[in-house]
Amino acid sequence: MTAKIKQPIPRRIRVGTKQYSIDIVETMLRKRDMARIHYDHSRIELGKTSNVTGKRFAPETMQANFWHEVVHAILADMGRDTLNRDEKFVHSFAERLTQVINSARF
């Protein structure tokens, strides 16, 4: 995705009745994770650096990772557990959401 970044990553969001903090960390602990949602702690964690290659993620990648985790939060809030576990669906939906947000003109 080569769309221009439209919005910065927020520090906090609300999904339904739950408020999530967004923490940007140097790298994720779990191998191959780029980001992760922690439902029990109402927190979304985004890595700045790949724990596989050691390279920094482009801002566009971090933003896409953020929206990916937001899609998980929305699906959890909706009680759509089957869709929430479907990473292919979440990834595809988040890609399109990121494209819509970045291409919006007002």
PDB file of N, CA and C in Angstrom:
ATOM      1  N   MET A   1       0.852  -1.170   0.000  1.00  0.00           N
ATOM      2  CA  MET A   1       0.000   0.000   0.000  1.00  0.00           C
ATOM      3  C   MET A   1       0.899   1.234   0.000  1.00  0.00           C
ATOM      4  N   THR A   2       0.674   2.119  -0.932  1.00  0.00           N
ATOM      5  CA  THR A   2       1.534   3.288  -1.061  1.00  0.00           C
ATOM      6  C   THR A   2       0.802   4.590  -0.787  1.00  0.00           C
ATOM      7  N   ALA A   3      -0.348   4.512  -0.162  1.00  0.00           N
ATOM      8  CA  ALA A   3      -1.110   5.729   0.126  1.00  0.00           C
ATOM      9  C   ALA A   3      -0.375   6.580   1.151  1.00  0.00           C
ATOM     10  N   LYS A   4      -0.520   7.883   1.018  1.00  0.00           N
ATOM     11  CA  LYS A   4       0.084   8.826   1.938  1.00  0.00           C
ATOM     12  C   LYS A   4      -0.574   8.693   3.313  1.00  0.00           C
ATOM     13  N   ILE A   5       0.226   8.812   4.367  1.00  0.00           N
ATOM     14  CA  ILE A   5      -0.311   8.726   5.715  1.00  0.00           C
ATOM     15  C   ILE A   5      -1.161   9.949   5.985  1.00  0.00           C
ATOM     16  N   LYS A   6      -2.397   9.721   6.375  1.00  0.00           N
ATOM     17  CA  LYS A   6      -3.359  10.791   6.587  1.00  0.00           C
ATOM     18  C   LYS A   6      -3.417  11.201   8.056  1.00  0.00           C
ATOM     19  N   GLN A   7      -3.384  10.246   8.949  1.00  0.00           N
ATOM     20  CA  GLN A   7      -3.563  10.508  10.366  1.00  0.00           C
ATOM     21  C   GLN A   7      -2.418   9.893  11.172  1.00  0.00           C
ATOM     22  N   PRO A   8      -1.992  10.587  12.224  1.00  0.00           N
ATOM     23  CA  PRO A   8      -1.010   9.967  13.123  1.00  0.00           C
ATOM     24  C   PRO A   8      -1.678   8.873  13.955  1.00  0.00           C
ATOM     25  N   ILE A   9      -0.887   8.029  14.561  1.00  0.00           N
ATOM     26  CA  ILE A   9      -1.412   6.982  15.425  1.00  0.00           C
ATOM     27  C   ILE A   9      -1.804   7.626  16.754  1.00  0.00           C
ATOM     28  N   PRO A  10      -3.033   7.408  17.201  1.00  0.00           N
ATOM     29  CA  PRO A  10      -3.477   8.041  18.451  1.00  0.00           C
ATOM     30  C   PRO A  10      -2.866   7.370  19.681  1.00  0.00           C
ATOM     31  N   ARG A  11      -2.964   8.027  20.815  1.00  0.00           N
ATOM     32  CA  ARG A  11      -2.486   7.458  22.082  1.00  0.00           C
ATOM     33  C   ARG A  11      -3.562   6.621  22.752  1.00  0.00           C
ATOM     34  N   ARG A  12      -4.838   6.928  22.427  1.00  0.00           N
ATOM     35  CA  ARG A  12      -5.965   6.233  23.041  1.00  0.00           C
ATOM     36  C   ARG A  12      -7.139   6.206  22.076  1.00  0.00           C
ATOM     37  N   ILE A  13      -7.898   5.120  22.126  1.00  0.00           N
ATOM     38  CA  ILE A  13      -9.123   5.021  21.325  1.00  0.00           C
ATOM     39  C   ILE A  13     -10.220   4.382  22.171  1.00  0.00           C
ATOM     40  N   ARG A  14     -11.452   4.581  21.763  1.00  0.00           N
ATOM     41  CA  ARG A  14     -12.590   3.914  22.406  1.00  0.00           C
ATOM     42  C   ARG A  14     -13.279   3.057  21.342  1.00  0.00           C
ATOM     43  N   VAL A  15     -13.532   1.817  21.722  1.00  0.00           N
ATOM     44  CA  VAL A  15     -14.287   0.886  20.873  1.00  0.00           C
ATOM     45  C   VAL A  15     -15.419   0.370  21.747  1.00  0.00           C
ATOM     46  N   GLY A  16     -16.629   0.757  21.409  1.00  0.00           N
ATOM     47  CA  GLY A  16     -17.772   0.405  22.264  1.00  0.00           C
ATOM     48  C   GLY A  16     -17.602   1.080  23.613  1.00  0.00           C
ATOM     49  N   THR A  17     -17.645   0.305  24.671  1.00  0.00           N
ATOM     50  CA  THR A  17     -17.486   0.863  26.018  1.00  0.00           C
ATOM     51  C   THR A  17     -16.060   0.733  26.536  1.00  0.00           C
ATOM     52  N   LYS A  18     -15.191   0.163  25.741  1.00  0.00           N
ATOM     53  CA  LYS A  18     -13.812  -0.095  26.184  1.00  0.00           C
ATOM     54  C   LYS A  18     -12.850   0.942  25.613  1.00  0.00           C
ATOM     55  N   GLN A  19     -11.995   1.457  26.471  1.00  0.00           N
ATOM     56  CA  GLN A  19     -10.969   2.397  26.030  1.00  0.00           C
ATOM     57  C   GLN A  19      -9.627   1.669  25.982  1.00  0.00           C
ATOM     58  N   TYR A  20      -8.950   1.781  24.847  1.00  0.00           N
ATOM     59  CA  TYR A  20      -7.647   1.142  24.653  1.00  0.00           C
ATOM     60  C   TYR A  20      -6.549   2.191  24.643  1.00  0.00           C
ATOM     61  N   SER A  21      -5.445   1.881  25.325  1.00  0.00           N
ATOM     62  CA  SER A  21      -4.251   2.720  25.190  1.00  0.00           C
ATOM     63  C   SER A  21      -3.413   2.113  24.069  1.00  0.00           C
ATOM     64  N   ILE A  22      -2.690   2.964  23.382  1.00  0.00           N
ATOM     65  CA  ILE A  22      -1.818   2.503  22.302  1.00  0.00           C
ATOM     66  C   ILE A  22      -0.383   2.753  22.735  1.00  0.00           C
ATOM     67  N   ASP A  23       0.385   1.691  22.823  1.00  0.00           N
ATOM     68  CA  ASP A  23       1.784   1.770  23.236  1.00  0.00           C
ATOM     69  C   ASP A  23       2.671   1.400  22.054  1.00  0.00           C
ATOM     70  N   ILE A  24       3.591   2.283  21.728  1.00  0.00           N
ATOM     71  CA  ILE A  24       4.562   2.001  20.672  1.00  0.00           C
ATOM     72  C   ILE A  24       5.857   1.575  21.357  1.00  0.00           C
ATOM     73  N   VAL A  25       6.269   0.345  21.054  1.00  0.00           N
ATOM     74  CA  VAL A  25       7.458  -0.235  21.678  1.00  0.00           C
ATOM     75  C   VAL A  25       8.545  -0.422  20.622  1.00  0.00           C
ATOM     76  N   GLU A  26       9.752  -0.589  21.067  1.00  0.00           N
ATOM     77  CA  GLU A  26      10.868  -0.756  20.131  1.00  0.00           C
ATOM     78  C   GLU A  26      10.663  -1.997  19.268  1.00  0.00           C
ATOM     79  N   THR A  27      10.376  -3.134  19.902  1.00  0.00           N
ATOM     80  CA  THR A  27      10.134  -4.370  19.172  1.00  0.00           C
ATOM     81  C   THR A  27       9.183  -5.249  19.979  1.00  0.00           C
ATOM     82  N   MET A  28       8.462  -6.093  19.301  1.00  0.00           N
ATOM     83  CA  MET A  28       7.523  -6.988  19.963  1.00  0.00           C
ATOM     84  C   MET A  28       8.278  -8.184  20.537  1.00  0.00           C
ATOM     85  N   LEU A  29       7.771  -8.731  21.626  1.00  0.00           N
ATOM     86  CA  LEU A  29       8.429  -9.868  22.265  1.00  0.00           C
ATOM     87  C   LEU A  29       8.228 -11.166  21.494  1.00  0.00           C
ATOM     88  N   ARG A  30       6.999 -11.408  21.019  1.00  0.00           N
ATOM     89  CA  ARG A  30       6.729 -12.648  20.287  1.00  0.00           C
ATOM     90  C   ARG A  30       7.289 -12.574  18.882  1.00  0.00           C
ATOM     91  N   LYS A  31       8.031 -13.569  18.493  1.00  0.00           N
ATOM     92  CA  LYS A  31       8.643 -13.636  17.174  1.00  0.00           C
ATOM     93  C   LYS A  31       7.598 -13.477  16.084  1.00  0.00           C
ATOM     94  N   ARG A  32       7.896 -12.648  15.114  1.00  0.00           N
ATOM     95  CA  ARG A  32       7.084 -12.357  13.940  1.00  0.00           C
ATOM     96  C   ARG A  32       5.907 -11.421  14.217  1.00  0.00           C
ATOM     97  N   ASP A  33       5.618 -11.100  15.483  1.00  0.00           N
ATOM     98  CA  ASP A  33       4.574 -10.119  15.776  1.00  0.00           C
ATOM     99  C   ASP A  33       5.045  -8.731  15.361  1.00  0.00           C
ATOM    100  N   MET A  34       4.147  -7.988  14.761  1.00  0.00           N
ATOM    101  CA  MET A  34       4.414  -6.589  14.427  1.00  0.00           C
ATOM    102  C   MET A  34       3.594  -5.681  15.338  1.00  0.00           C
ATOM    103  N   ALA A  35       2.487  -6.238  15.824  1.00  0.00           N
ATOM    104  CA  ALA A  35       1.576  -5.538  16.721  1.00  0.00           C
ATOM    105  C   ALA A  35       0.718  -6.593  17.404  1.00  0.00           C
ATOM    106  N   ARG A  36       0.067  -6.185  18.482  1.00  0.00           N
ATOM    107  CA  ARG A  36      -0.791  -7.139  19.204  1.00  0.00           C
ATOM    108  C   ARG A  36      -1.780  -6.354  20.047  1.00  0.00           C
ATOM    109  N   ILE A  37      -2.982  -6.916  20.158  1.00  0.00           N
ATOM    110  CA  ILE A  37      -3.980  -6.341  21.040  1.00  0.00           C
ATOM    111  C   ILE A  37      -4.034  -7.186  22.305  1.00  0.00           C
ATOM    112  N   HIS A  38      -4.066  -6.517  23.435  1.00  0.00           N
ATOM    113  CA  HIS A  38      -4.163  -7.179  24.736  1.00  0.00           C
ATOM    114  C   HIS A  38      -5.530  -6.813  25.313  1.00  0.00           C
ATOM    115  N   TYR A  39      -6.507  -7.678  25.094  1.00  0.00           N
ATOM    116  CA  TYR A  39      -7.883  -7.387  25.502  1.00  0.00           C
ATOM    117  C   TYR A  39      -7.998  -7.198  27.011  1.00  0.00           C
ATOM    118  N   ASP A  40      -7.332  -8.060  27.784  1.00  0.00           N
ATOM    119  CA  ASP A  40      -7.447  -7.997  29.242  1.00  0.00           C
ATOM    120  C   ASP A  40      -6.887  -6.707  29.830  1.00  0.00           C
ATOM    121  N   HIS A  41      -5.938  -6.103  29.135  1.00  0.00           N
ATOM    122  CA  HIS A  41      -5.306  -4.873  29.638  1.00  0.00           C
ATOM    123  C   HIS A  41      -5.750  -3.644  28.839  1.00  0.00           C
ATOM    124  N   SER A  42      -6.698  -3.835  27.933  1.00  0.00           N
ATOM    125  CA  SER A  42      -7.217  -2.738  27.090  1.00  0.00           C
ATOM    126  C   SER A  42      -6.068  -1.952  26.458  1.00  0.00           C
ATOM    127  N   ARG A  43      -5.204  -2.695  25.785  1.00  0.00           N
ATOM    128  CA  ARG A  43      -3.996  -2.079  25.241  1.00  0.00           C
ATOM    129  C   ARG A  43      -3.682  -2.645  23.864  1.00  0.00           C
ATOM    130  N   ILE A  44      -3.264  -1.757  22.980  1.00  0.00           N
ATOM    131  CA  ILE A  44      -2.747  -2.154  21.666  1.00  0.00           C
ATOM    132  C   ILE A  44      -1.270  -1.799  21.673  1.00  0.00           C
ATOM    133  N   GLU A  45      -0.456  -2.763  21.308  1.00  0.00           N
ATOM    134  CA  GLU A  45       0.985  -2.588  21.296  1.00  0.00           C
ATOM    135  C   GLU A  45       1.469  -2.647  19.855  1.00  0.00           C
ATOM    136  N   LEU A  46       2.250  -1.648  19.450  1.00  0.00           N
ATOM    137  CA  LEU A  46       2.804  -1.588  18.095  1.00  0.00           C
ATOM    138  C   LEU A  46       4.321  -1.578  18.173  1.00  0.00           C
ATOM    139  N   GLY A  47       4.958  -2.454  17.408  1.00  0.00           N
ATOM    140  CA  GLY A  47       6.410  -2.469  17.359  1.00  0.00           C
ATOM    141  C   GLY A  47       6.936  -1.486  16.321  1.00  0.00           C
ATOM    142  N   LYS A  48       8.065  -0.839  16.627  1.00  0.00           N
ATOM    143  CA  LYS A  48       8.721   0.072  15.677  1.00  0.00           C
ATOM    144  C   LYS A  48       9.728  -0.656  14.794  1.00  0.00           C
ATOM    145  N   THR A  49      10.230  -1.786  15.308  1.00  0.00           N
ATOM    146  CA  THR A  49      11.306  -2.503  14.629  1.00  0.00           C
ATOM    147  C   THR A  49      10.946  -3.978  14.504  1.00  0.00           C
ATOM    148  N   SER A  50      11.258  -4.583  13.374  1.00  0.00           N
ATOM    149  CA  SER A  50      11.005  -6.005  13.166  1.00  0.00           C
ATOM    150  C   SER A  50      11.881  -6.832  14.100  1.00  0.00           C
ATOM    151  N   ASN A  51      11.272  -7.813  14.762  1.00  0.00           N
ATOM    152  CA  ASN A  51      12.058  -8.702  15.615  1.00  0.00           C
ATOM    153  C   ASN A  51      12.630  -9.872  14.817  1.00  0.00           C
ATOM    154  N   VAL A  52      12.458  -9.833  13.504  1.00  0.00           N
ATOM    155  CA  VAL A  52      13.028 -10.849  12.618  1.00  0.00           C
ATOM    156  C   VAL A  52      14.225 -10.262  11.870  1.00  0.00           C
ATOM    157  N   THR A  53      14.035  -9.092  11.247  1.00  0.00           N
ATOM    158  CA  THR A  53      15.098  -8.493  10.423  1.00  0.00           C
ATOM    159  C   THR A  53      15.888  -7.408  11.152  1.00  0.00           C
ATOM    160  N   GLY A  54      15.316  -6.862  12.225  1.00  0.00           N
ATOM    161  CA  GLY A  54      15.970  -5.762  12.940  1.00  0.00           C
ATOM    162  C   GLY A  54      15.782  -4.416  12.267  1.00  0.00           C
ATOM    163  N   LYS A  55      15.041  -4.378  11.162  1.00  0.00           N
ATOM    164  CA  LYS A  55      14.813  -3.126  10.441  1.00  0.00           C
ATOM    165  C   LYS A  55      13.588  -2.404  10.981  1.00  0.00           C
ATOM    166  N   ARG A  56      13.654  -1.074  10.918  1.00  0.00           N
ATOM    167  CA  ARG A  56      12.525  -0.240  11.332  1.00  0.00           C
ATOM    168  C   ARG A  56      11.374  -0.383  10.345  1.00  0.00           C
ATOM    169  N   PHE A  57      10.145  -0.388  10.870  1.00  0.00           N
ATOM    170  CA  PHE A  57       8.971  -0.402  10.011  1.00  0.00           C
ATOM    171  C   PHE A  57       8.739   0.995   9.455  1.00  0.00           C
ATOM    172  N   ALA A  58       8.309   1.052   8.218  1.00  0.00           N
ATOM    173  CA  ALA A  58       7.924   2.329   7.610  1.00  0.00           C
ATOM    174  C   ALA A  58       6.687   2.845   8.346  1.00  0.00           C
ATOM    175  N   PRO A  59       6.509   4.168   8.392  1.00  0.00           N
ATOM    176  CA  PRO A  59       5.309   4.726   9.038  1.00  0.00           C
ATOM    177  C   PRO A  59       4.016   4.145   8.467  1.00  0.00           C
ATOM    178  N   GLU A  60       3.985   3.882   7.165  1.00  0.00           N
ATOM    179  CA  GLU A  60       2.796   3.313   6.533  1.00  0.00           C
ATOM    180  C   GLU A  60       2.493   1.918   7.088  1.00  0.00           C
ATOM    181  N   THR A  61       3.542   1.154   7.341  1.00  0.00           N
ATOM    182  CA  THR A  61       3.382  -0.192   7.890  1.00  0.00           C
ATOM    183  C   THR A  61       2.860  -0.117   9.313  1.00  0.00           C
ATOM    184  N   MET A  62       3.409   0.790  10.109  1.00  0.00           N
ATOM    185  CA  MET A  62       2.939   0.935  11.489  1.00  0.00           C
ATOM    186  C   MET A  62       1.476   1.357  11.523  1.00  0.00           C
ATOM    187  N   GLN A  63       1.100   2.248  10.619  1.00  0.00           N
ATOM    188  CA  GLN A  63      -0.282   2.687  10.576  1.00  0.00           C
ATOM    189  C   GLN A  63      -1.197   1.519  10.181  1.00  0.00           C
ATOM    190  N   ALA A  64      -0.801   0.745   9.193  1.00  0.00           N
ATOM    191  CA  ALA A  64      -1.585  -0.421   8.779  1.00  0.00           C
ATOM    192  C   ALA A  64      -1.691  -1.429   9.926  1.00  0.00           C
ATOM    193  N   ASN A  65      -0.611  -1.618  10.672  1.00  0.00           N
ATOM    194  CA  ASN A  65      -0.637  -2.520  11.826  1.00  0.00           C
ATOM    195  C   ASN A  65      -1.615  -2.016  12.888  1.00  0.00           C
ATOM    196  N   PHE A  66      -1.635  -0.701  13.095  1.00  0.00           N
ATOM    197  CA  PHE A  66      -2.568  -0.106  14.049  1.00  0.00           C
ATOM    198  C   PHE A  66      -4.005  -0.410  13.639  1.00  0.00           C
ATOM    199  N   TRP A  67      -4.357  -0.145  12.386  1.00  0.00           N
ATOM    200  CA  TRP A  67      -5.727  -0.377  11.927  1.00  0.00           C
ATOM    201  C   TRP A  67      -6.083  -1.858  11.966  1.00  0.00           C
ATOM    202  N   HIS A  68      -5.110  -2.729  11.734  1.00  0.00           N
ATOM    203  CA  HIS A  68      -5.331  -4.173  11.847  1.00  0.00           C
ATOM    204  C   HIS A  68      -5.794  -4.510  13.271  1.00  0.00           C
ATOM    205  N   GLU A  69      -5.103  -3.981  14.255  1.00  0.00           N
ATOM    206  CA  GLU A  69      -5.465  -4.258  15.646  1.00  0.00           C
ATOM    207  C   GLU A  69      -6.798  -3.608  16.013  1.00  0.00           C
ATOM    208  N   VAL A  70      -7.108  -2.458  15.426  1.00  0.00           N
ATOM    209  CA  VAL A  70      -8.412  -1.811  15.656  1.00  0.00           C
ATOM    210  C   VAL A  70      -9.529  -2.707  15.123  1.00  0.00           C
ATOM    211  N   VAL A  71      -9.323  -3.318  13.971  1.00  0.00           N
ATOM    212  CA  VAL A  71     -10.333  -4.236  13.428  1.00  0.00           C
ATOM    213  C   VAL A  71     -10.564  -5.379  14.422  1.00  0.00           C
ATOM    214  N   HIS A  72      -9.492  -5.915  15.013  1.00  0.00           N
ATOM    215  CA  HIS A  72      -9.653  -6.950  16.042  1.00  0.00           C
ATOM    216  C   HIS A  72     -10.495  -6.421  17.203  1.00  0.00           C
ATOM    217  N   ALA A  73     -10.211  -5.201  17.650  1.00  0.00           N
ATOM    218  CA  ALA A  73     -10.961  -4.616  18.772  1.00  0.00           C
ATOM    219  C   ALA A  73     -12.436  -4.460  18.428  1.00  0.00           C
ATOM    220  N   ILE A  74     -12.728  -4.013  17.216  1.00  0.00           N
ATOM    221  CA  ILE A  74     -14.120  -3.829  16.790  1.00  0.00           C
ATOM    222  C   ILE A  74     -14.849  -5.172  16.733  1.00  0.00           C
ATOM    223  N   LEU A  75     -14.213  -6.164  16.132  1.00  0.00           N
ATOM    224  CA  LEU A  75     -14.843  -7.482  16.027  1.00  0.00           C
ATOM    225  C   LEU A  75     -15.067  -8.096  17.413  1.00  0.00           C
ATOM    226  N   ALA A  76     -14.125  -7.904  18.334  1.00  0.00           N
ATOM    227  CA  ALA A  76     -14.299  -8.406  19.699  1.00  0.00           C
ATOM    228  C   ALA A  76     -15.481  -7.707  20.360  1.00  0.00           C
ATOM    229  N   ASP A  77     -15.590  -6.390  20.167  1.00  0.00           N
ATOM    230  CA  ASP A  77     -16.692  -5.626  20.738  1.00  0.00           C
ATOM    231  C   ASP A  77     -18.036  -6.090  20.183  1.00  0.00           C
ATOM    232  N   MET A  78     -18.042  -6.493  18.935  1.00  0.00           N
ATOM    233  CA  MET A  78     -19.270  -6.964  18.282  1.00  0.00           C
ATOM    234  C   MET A  78     -19.589  -8.422  18.637  1.00  0.00           C
ATOM    235  N   GLY A  79     -18.669  -9.098  19.314  1.00  0.00           N
ATOM    236  CA  GLY A  79     -18.874 -10.505  19.645  1.00  0.00           C
ATOM    237  C   GLY A  79     -18.697 -11.428  18.454  1.00  0.00           C
ATOM    238  N   ARG A  80     -17.974 -10.975  17.441  1.00  0.00           N
ATOM    239  CA  ARG A  80     -17.764 -11.753  16.220  1.00  0.00           C
ATOM    240  C   ARG A  80     -16.454 -12.541  16.321  1.00  0.00           C
ATOM    241  N   ASP A  81     -16.433 -13.505  17.237  1.00  0.00           N
ATOM    242  CA  ASP A  81     -15.216 -14.251  17.538  1.00  0.00           C
ATOM    243  C   ASP A  81     -14.663 -15.034  16.359  1.00  0.00           C
ATOM    244  N   THR A  82     -15.535 -15.627  15.544  1.00  0.00           N
ATOM    245  CA  THR A  82     -15.068 -16.404  14.397  1.00  0.00           C
ATOM    246  C   THR A  82     -14.345 -15.497  13.405  1.00  0.00           C
ATOM    247  N   LEU A  83     -14.930 -14.360  13.086  1.00  0.00           N
ATOM    248  CA  LEU A  83     -14.257 -13.411  12.183  1.00  0.00           C
ATOM    249  C   LEU A  83     -12.991 -12.866  12.816  1.00  0.00           C
ATOM    250  N   ASN A  84     -13.019 -12.635  14.115  1.00  0.00           N
ATOM    251  CA  ASN A  84     -11.858 -12.073  14.814  1.00  0.00           C
ATOM    252  C   ASN A  84     -10.659 -13.016  14.766  1.00  0.00           C
ATOM    253  N   ARG A  85     -10.914 -14.305  14.735  1.00  0.00           N
ATOM    254  CA  ARG A  85      -9.817 -15.279  14.652  1.00  0.00           C
ATOM    255  C   ARG A  85      -9.344 -15.507  13.223  1.00  0.00           C
ATOM    256  N   ASP A  86     -10.063 -14.991  12.256  1.00  0.00           N
ATOM    257  CA  ASP A  86      -9.734 -15.174  10.842  1.00  0.00           C
ATOM    258  C   ASP A  86      -8.754 -14.078  10.411  1.00  0.00           C
ATOM    259  N   GLU A  87      -7.460 -14.354  10.544  1.00  0.00           N
ATOM    260  CA  GLU A  87      -6.429 -13.351  10.254  1.00  0.00           C
ATOM    261  C   GLU A  87      -6.456 -12.873   8.808  1.00  0.00           C
ATOM    262  N   LYS A  88      -6.812 -13.754   7.894  1.00  0.00           N
ATOM    263  CA  LYS A  88      -6.896 -13.351   6.483  1.00  0.00           C
ATOM    264  C   LYS A  88      -7.992 -12.292   6.314  1.00  0.00           C
ATOM    265  N   PHE A  89      -9.149 -12.517   6.937  1.00  0.00           N
ATOM    266  CA  PHE A  89     -10.233 -11.537   6.869  1.00  0.00           C
ATOM    267  C   PHE A  89      -9.810 -10.224   7.523  1.00  0.00           C
ATOM    268  N   VAL A  90      -9.260 -10.298   8.739  1.00  0.00           N
ATOM    269  CA  VAL A  90      -8.855  -9.092   9.466  1.00  0.00           C
ATOM    270  C   VAL A  90      -7.827  -8.308   8.663  1.00  0.00           C
ATOM    271  N   HIS A  91      -6.858  -9.003   8.095  1.00  0.00           N
ATOM    272  CA  HIS A  91      -5.824  -8.343   7.299  1.00  0.00           C
ATOM    273  C   HIS A  91      -6.433  -7.641   6.080  1.00  0.00           C
ATOM    274  N   SER A  92      -7.281  -8.347   5.356  1.00  0.00           N
ATOM    275  CA  SER A  92      -7.898  -7.765   4.156  1.00  0.00           C
ATOM    276  C   SER A  92      -8.783  -6.577   4.505  1.00  0.00           C
ATOM    277  N   PHE A  93      -9.556  -6.696   5.571  1.00  0.00           N
ATOM    278  CA  PHE A  93     -10.425  -5.599   5.990  1.00  0.00           C
ATOM    279  C   PHE A  93      -9.590  -4.397   6.420  1.00  0.00           C
ATOM    280  N   ALA A  94      -8.546  -4.642   7.205  1.00  0.00           N
ATOM    281  CA  ALA A  94      -7.694  -3.553   7.688  1.00  0.00           C
ATOM    282  C   ALA A  94      -6.972  -2.847   6.538  1.00  0.00           C
ATOM    283  N   GLU A  95      -6.542  -3.594   5.526  1.00  0.00           N
ATOM    284  CA  GLU A  95      -5.912  -2.970   4.349  1.00  0.00           C
ATOM    285  C   GLU A  95      -6.868  -2.003   3.675  1.00  0.00           C
ATOM    286  N   ARG A  96      -8.091  -2.429   3.502  1.00  0.00           N
ATOM    287  CA  ARG A  96      -9.085  -1.569   2.853  1.00  0.00           C
ATOM    288  C   ARG A  96      -9.452  -0.372   3.729  1.00  0.00           C
ATOM    289  N   LEU A  97      -9.557  -0.594   5.035  1.00  0.00           N
ATOM    290  CA  LEU A  97      -9.839   0.510   5.950  1.00  0.00           C
ATOM    291  C   LEU A  97      -8.723   1.546   5.908  1.00  0.00           C
ATOM    292  N   THR A  98      -7.487   1.091   5.920  1.00  0.00           N
ATOM    293  CA  THR A  98      -6.342   2.005   5.848  1.00  0.00           C
ATOM    294  C   THR A  98      -6.377   2.797   4.543  1.00  0.00           C
ATOM    295  N   GLN A  99      -6.703   2.125   3.441  1.00  0.00           N
ATOM    296  CA  GLN A  99      -6.783   2.806   2.147  1.00  0.00           C
ATOM    297  C   GLN A  99      -7.886   3.876   2.154  1.00  0.00           C
ATOM    298  N   VAL A 100      -9.034   3.543   2.721  1.00  0.00           N
ATOM    299  CA  VAL A 100     -10.134   4.514   2.793  1.00  0.00           C
ATOM    300  C   VAL A 100      -9.706   5.735   3.612  1.00  0.00           C
ATOM    301  N   ILE A 101      -9.123   5.518   4.758  1.00  0.00           N
ATOM    302  CA  ILE A 101      -8.712   6.618   5.637  1.00  0.00           C
ATOM    303  C   ILE A 101      -7.657   7.485   4.951  1.00  0.00           C
ATOM    304  N   ASN A 102      -6.679   6.859   4.316  1.00  0.00           N
ATOM    305  CA  ASN A 102      -5.602   7.617   3.685  1.00  0.00           C
ATOM    306  C   ASN A 102      -5.999   8.314   2.394  1.00  0.00           C
ATOM    307  N   SER A 103      -7.057   7.837   1.760  1.00  0.00           N
ATOM    308  CA  SER A 103      -7.463   8.458   0.492  1.00  0.00           C
ATOM    309  C   SER A 103      -8.631   9.439   0.652  1.00  0.00           C
ATOM    310  N   ALA A 104      -9.169   9.533   1.875  1.00  0.00           N
ATOM    311  CA  ALA A 104     -10.319  10.421   2.110  1.00  0.00           C
ATOM    312  C   ALA A 104      -9.941  11.877   1.867  1.00  0.00           C
ATOM    313  N   ARG A 105     -10.799  12.565   1.171  1.00  0.00           N
ATOM    314  CA  ARG A 105     -10.631  13.995   0.913  1.00  0.00           C
ATOM    315  C   ARG A 105     -11.881  14.714   1.390  1.00  0.00           C
ATOM    316  N   PHE A 106     -11.696  15.799   2.104  1.00  0.00           N
ATOM    317  CA  PHE A 106     -12.836  16.543   2.669  1.00  0.00           C
ATOM    318  C   PHE A 106     -12.899  17.949   2.082  1.00  0.00           C
TER     319      PHE A 106
END
